[in-house]
Protein backbone atom coordinates (compact mmCIF):
# COMPACT_ATOMS: atom_id res chain seq x y z
CA UNK A 1 72.62 163.51 173.38
CA UNK A 2 71.39 163.68 169.84
CA UNK A 3 67.24 163.99 171.13
CA UNK A 4 66.15 167.30 169.88
CA UNK A 5 64.28 167.87 172.85
CA UNK A 6 67.32 167.76 174.48
CA UNK A 7 69.90 169.81 172.72
CA UNK A 8 71.08 172.82 172.82
CA UNK A 9 71.95 175.74 170.06
CA UNK A 10 75.38 174.68 170.00
CA UNK A 11 74.11 170.92 169.08
CA UNK A 12 72.10 171.99 166.97
CA UNK A 13 73.95 173.74 164.61
CA UNK A 14 76.31 171.03 164.54
CA UNK A 15 73.87 168.91 163.34
CA UNK A 16 72.71 170.92 160.82
CA UNK A 17 76.03 171.59 159.85
CA UNK A 18 77.04 167.99 159.48
CA UNK A 19 74.14 166.89 157.87
CA UNK A 20 72.62 164.26 160.39
CA UNK A 21 69.14 163.47 159.17
CA UNK A 22 65.97 163.54 161.32
CA UNK A 23 64.39 160.48 163.01
CA UNK A 24 60.51 160.85 163.49
CA UNK A 25 59.41 158.02 165.55
CA UNK A 26 55.54 158.12 164.61
CA UNK A 27 52.70 155.59 165.89
CA UNK A 28 49.37 155.76 167.25
CA UNK A 29 47.50 154.89 170.41
CA UNK A 30 45.37 151.85 169.79
CA UNK A 31 43.66 148.57 171.42
CA UNK A 32 46.05 145.47 171.07
CA UNK A 33 44.18 142.90 173.09
CA UNK A 34 44.64 141.96 177.21
CA UNK A 35 47.83 141.91 177.32
CA UNK A 36 49.46 144.90 175.56
CA UNK A 37 49.69 148.35 175.79
CA UNK A 38 47.77 151.16 173.58
CA UNK A 39 50.83 152.46 172.69
CA UNK A 40 52.42 149.17 171.23
CA UNK A 41 52.94 150.58 167.65
CA UNK A 42 54.80 153.56 169.11
CA UNK A 43 56.62 152.07 171.92
CA UNK A 44 58.41 149.43 169.49
CA UNK A 45 59.74 152.06 167.22
CA UNK A 46 60.89 154.41 170.41
CA UNK A 47 62.65 151.83 171.73
CA UNK A 48 64.62 150.84 168.77
CA UNK A 49 65.65 154.16 168.32
CA UNK A 50 66.85 154.60 171.56
CA UNK A 51 69.30 151.49 170.59
CA UNK A 52 70.16 153.11 167.67
CA UNK A 53 70.84 156.36 168.69
CA UNK A 54 73.95 156.25 170.56
CA UNK A 55 75.63 154.33 167.44
CA UNK A 56 74.61 156.95 164.71
CA UNK A 57 74.82 161.00 163.66
CA UNK A 58 71.06 161.66 163.74
CA UNK A 59 68.64 163.61 165.46
CA UNK A 60 66.08 161.99 166.92
CA UNK A 61 62.70 164.65 166.73
CA UNK A 62 59.71 163.92 170.03
CA UNK A 63 57.30 161.27 168.38
CA UNK A 64 54.32 161.27 167.07
CA UNK A 65 52.19 159.55 169.31
CA UNK A 66 48.09 159.77 167.16
CA UNK A 67 47.97 158.84 163.91
CA UNK A 68 45.19 157.50 162.21
CA UNK A 69 44.03 153.77 163.08
CA UNK A 70 39.98 154.36 161.54
CA UNK A 71 38.73 152.49 164.95
CA UNK A 72 40.11 149.38 163.00
CA UNK A 73 40.06 147.15 166.06
CA UNK A 74 37.89 149.03 168.07
CA UNK A 75 36.63 152.62 168.91
CA UNK A 76 37.10 155.18 171.70
CA UNK A 77 36.11 152.47 174.35
CA UNK A 78 38.31 149.69 173.28
CA UNK A 79 41.21 152.38 174.08
CA UNK A 80 41.73 153.29 170.72
CA UNK A 81 42.37 157.50 169.50
CA UNK A 82 41.72 158.01 165.55
CA UNK A 83 43.04 160.68 163.82
CA UNK A 84 41.79 161.47 160.38
CA UNK A 85 44.27 161.20 157.98
CA UNK A 86 43.78 165.12 156.51
CA UNK A 87 43.77 166.52 160.01
CA UNK A 88 47.06 164.14 160.21
CA UNK A 89 48.83 164.66 157.08
CA UNK A 90 48.24 169.19 157.71
CA UNK A 91 49.97 168.66 161.05
CA UNK A 92 52.90 166.14 160.25
CA UNK A 93 53.21 168.87 157.46
CA UNK A 94 53.76 171.31 159.53
CA UNK A 95 56.10 169.81 161.53
CA UNK A 96 58.29 168.89 158.69
CA UNK A 97 58.47 172.37 157.46
CA UNK A 98 59.32 173.59 160.74
CA UNK A 99 62.50 171.03 161.23
CA UNK A 100 63.31 172.33 157.23
CA UNK A 101 63.12 175.52 158.13
CA UNK A 102 65.59 174.74 161.21
CA UNK A 103 68.06 173.93 158.76
CA UNK A 104 67.69 169.94 157.91
CA UNK A 105 66.98 168.45 154.87
CA UNK A 106 67.10 164.52 155.29
CA UNK A 107 64.07 163.05 157.29
CA UNK A 108 63.64 159.49 158.08
CA UNK A 109 59.84 158.57 159.80
CA UNK A 110 59.60 154.89 160.88
CA UNK A 111 55.57 153.75 160.91
CA UNK A 112 55.21 150.78 162.49
CA UNK A 113 50.98 151.32 162.83
CA UNK A 114 50.11 149.72 159.24
CA UNK A 115 53.65 150.02 158.19
CA UNK A 116 55.18 153.04 155.61
CA UNK A 117 52.09 151.91 153.03
CA UNK A 118 49.13 152.44 155.49
CA UNK A 119 47.27 155.63 156.18
CA UNK A 120 49.61 157.06 158.59
CA UNK A 121 52.57 156.47 156.30
CA UNK A 122 51.46 157.81 153.11
CA UNK A 123 49.74 161.18 155.34
CA UNK A 124 53.59 161.89 156.16
CA UNK A 125 54.35 161.10 151.99
CA UNK A 126 51.70 163.59 151.14
CA UNK A 127 52.78 165.97 153.53
CA UNK A 128 56.28 166.14 151.98
CA UNK A 129 54.89 166.16 148.68
CA UNK A 130 53.04 169.22 149.77
CA UNK A 131 55.49 171.00 150.91
CA UNK A 132 58.21 170.01 147.58
CA UNK A 133 55.78 171.60 145.84
CA UNK A 134 55.60 174.62 147.55
CA UNK A 135 59.76 174.74 147.13
CA UNK A 136 59.89 174.19 143.72
CA UNK A 137 56.82 177.21 142.79
CA UNK A 138 59.30 179.28 144.79
CA UNK A 139 62.21 178.48 142.56
CA UNK A 140 60.69 178.88 139.22
CA UNK A 141 59.76 176.78 136.61
CA UNK A 142 62.93 175.12 135.43
CA UNK A 143 64.97 175.20 138.01
CA UNK A 144 66.92 172.08 137.54
CA UNK A 145 67.51 172.92 134.26
CA UNK A 146 69.41 176.70 135.03
CA UNK A 147 72.85 176.46 136.16
CA UNK A 148 72.72 178.18 138.93
CA UNK A 149 69.71 176.76 141.13
CA UNK A 150 70.81 173.18 139.86
CA UNK A 151 73.94 173.94 141.24
CA UNK A 152 72.59 174.12 144.62
CA UNK A 153 69.39 172.53 144.73
CA UNK A 154 71.27 170.12 147.30
CA UNK A 155 71.02 173.25 149.75
CA UNK A 156 66.98 173.43 150.04
CA UNK A 157 65.55 170.16 148.52
CA UNK A 158 64.27 167.67 151.07
CA UNK A 159 64.91 164.24 151.28
CA UNK A 160 61.81 162.48 153.14
CA UNK A 161 62.02 158.66 153.73
CA UNK A 162 58.77 156.79 155.38
CA UNK A 163 59.98 153.75 156.33
CA UNK A 164 58.82 150.54 158.64
CA UNK A 165 60.62 149.18 161.59
CA UNK A 166 62.66 147.03 159.30
CA UNK A 167 66.02 148.36 157.08
CA UNK A 168 68.17 145.57 156.64
CA UNK A 169 67.45 141.62 155.88
CA UNK A 170 66.57 140.54 159.42
CA UNK A 171 62.51 140.26 159.34
CA UNK A 172 59.32 141.29 160.94
CA UNK A 173 56.64 139.01 160.45
CA UNK A 174 53.98 141.14 161.37
CA UNK A 175 50.48 140.74 162.64
CA UNK A 176 48.53 142.92 164.59
CA UNK A 177 48.82 142.00 168.94
CA UNK A 178 49.81 138.31 168.26
CA UNK A 179 53.59 136.75 169.10
CA UNK A 180 55.50 138.85 166.32
CA UNK A 181 54.56 142.40 168.62
CA UNK A 182 54.69 140.22 172.02
CA UNK A 183 57.73 139.40 171.87
CA UNK A 184 59.62 142.37 170.98
CA UNK A 185 57.46 144.12 173.74
CA UNK A 186 58.95 141.57 175.66
CA UNK A 187 62.48 141.42 175.03
CA UNK A 188 61.77 146.15 174.94
CA UNK A 189 59.49 146.69 177.87
CA UNK A 190 58.54 143.79 179.12
CA UNK A 191 57.08 146.11 182.33
CA UNK A 192 54.53 146.40 179.92
CA UNK A 193 53.43 143.52 178.91
CA UNK A 194 50.79 141.25 181.03
CA UNK A 195 50.58 137.82 179.96
CA UNK A 196 48.76 136.69 182.46
CA UNK A 197 45.73 138.77 181.17
CA UNK A 198 45.28 136.36 177.88
CA UNK A 199 42.32 134.58 177.25
CA UNK A 200 42.58 132.16 174.67
CA UNK A 201 40.11 132.88 171.34
CA UNK A 202 39.55 136.35 172.96
CA UNK A 203 40.39 138.55 170.54
CA UNK A 204 41.15 136.38 166.90
CA UNK A 205 43.97 138.39 166.01
CA UNK A 206 46.28 137.23 168.76
CA UNK A 207 45.32 134.35 168.19
CA UNK A 208 45.75 133.20 164.08
CA UNK A 209 47.56 130.40 163.76
CA UNK A 210 51.36 130.47 163.70
CA UNK A 211 50.61 133.73 165.69
CA UNK A 212 49.51 132.94 168.76
CA UNK A 213 50.48 135.86 171.79
CA UNK A 214 50.80 133.08 174.29
CA UNK A 215 54.17 131.38 172.53
CA UNK A 216 55.85 134.29 172.75
CA UNK A 217 59.50 134.54 174.07
CA UNK A 218 60.94 137.34 175.60
CA UNK A 219 64.75 135.66 174.55
CA UNK A 220 63.46 135.31 170.54
CA UNK A 221 62.23 138.49 170.65
CA UNK A 222 65.35 140.01 172.10
CA UNK A 223 67.47 138.40 168.85
CA UNK A 224 64.73 139.98 166.56
CA UNK A 225 65.43 143.35 167.58
CA UNK A 226 69.07 143.11 168.00
CA UNK A 227 69.24 142.03 164.57
CA UNK A 228 66.72 145.09 163.60
CA UNK A 229 69.06 147.81 165.59
CA UNK A 230 72.26 146.60 163.69
CA UNK A 231 70.63 147.06 160.58
CA UNK A 232 69.56 150.44 161.22
CA UNK A 233 72.99 151.15 162.32
CA UNK A 234 74.43 150.21 159.17
CA UNK A 235 71.56 152.06 157.08
CA UNK A 236 72.84 154.97 158.54
CA UNK A 237 76.45 154.19 158.68
CA UNK A 238 75.69 153.52 154.87
CA UNK A 239 74.70 157.15 154.46
CA UNK A 240 77.75 159.07 156.42
CA UNK A 241 75.61 158.58 159.97
CA UNK A 242 77.75 156.53 161.61
CA UNK A 243 78.88 158.06 165.51
CA UNK A 244 82.44 159.32 165.37
CA UNK A 245 82.81 159.05 168.89
CA UNK A 246 82.80 155.24 168.82
């Protein structure tokens, strides 16, 4: 098992020696309508990673469940939690830097909430940038030009990628709480979806034309998910991360 929380020292040593990337699932707690759970954005990431993990040499870090929402669709009384983007950035920085100090150098943060360009994704990139700056200052000016420091830069440089749910040709139509989040949730966690509570027109984002939540089909969602999972497996395989026990 390659979940960091369940790994032992020998497994950690191997993952670091073989330069396995660390996958950091990230999401938020946010109102998605009457039929979807508050953790939808996080659940989608976690469940997709769960399907990818058996097929890739990756380390899955414990998920970051609380992120910036800006209370865009409702306040605390709707079940939404908002973490200030600056506070979130500082928290993420400490996590990434701790993982770096363990010996990891490659990181993939998967952010579904508002995608990699939203506040949560930007906070990850800002955290990585601050770590880069500190590492660079430690090595002094001109480290890239110096033959010695240049030769070993791969031993200390970080590779941080902030990505959405898709990494290949399989699409993700988008749309908060509508068909495009309801269908994959029906495929991944049907026990957490309550279609009977839908009321047409109650929340506009659940009923955008072409994205009506009540038209969701779990079988179609399963096809979406399977394509996305295969794209992620191929992504890690291309970077040397195919599971060697398959």
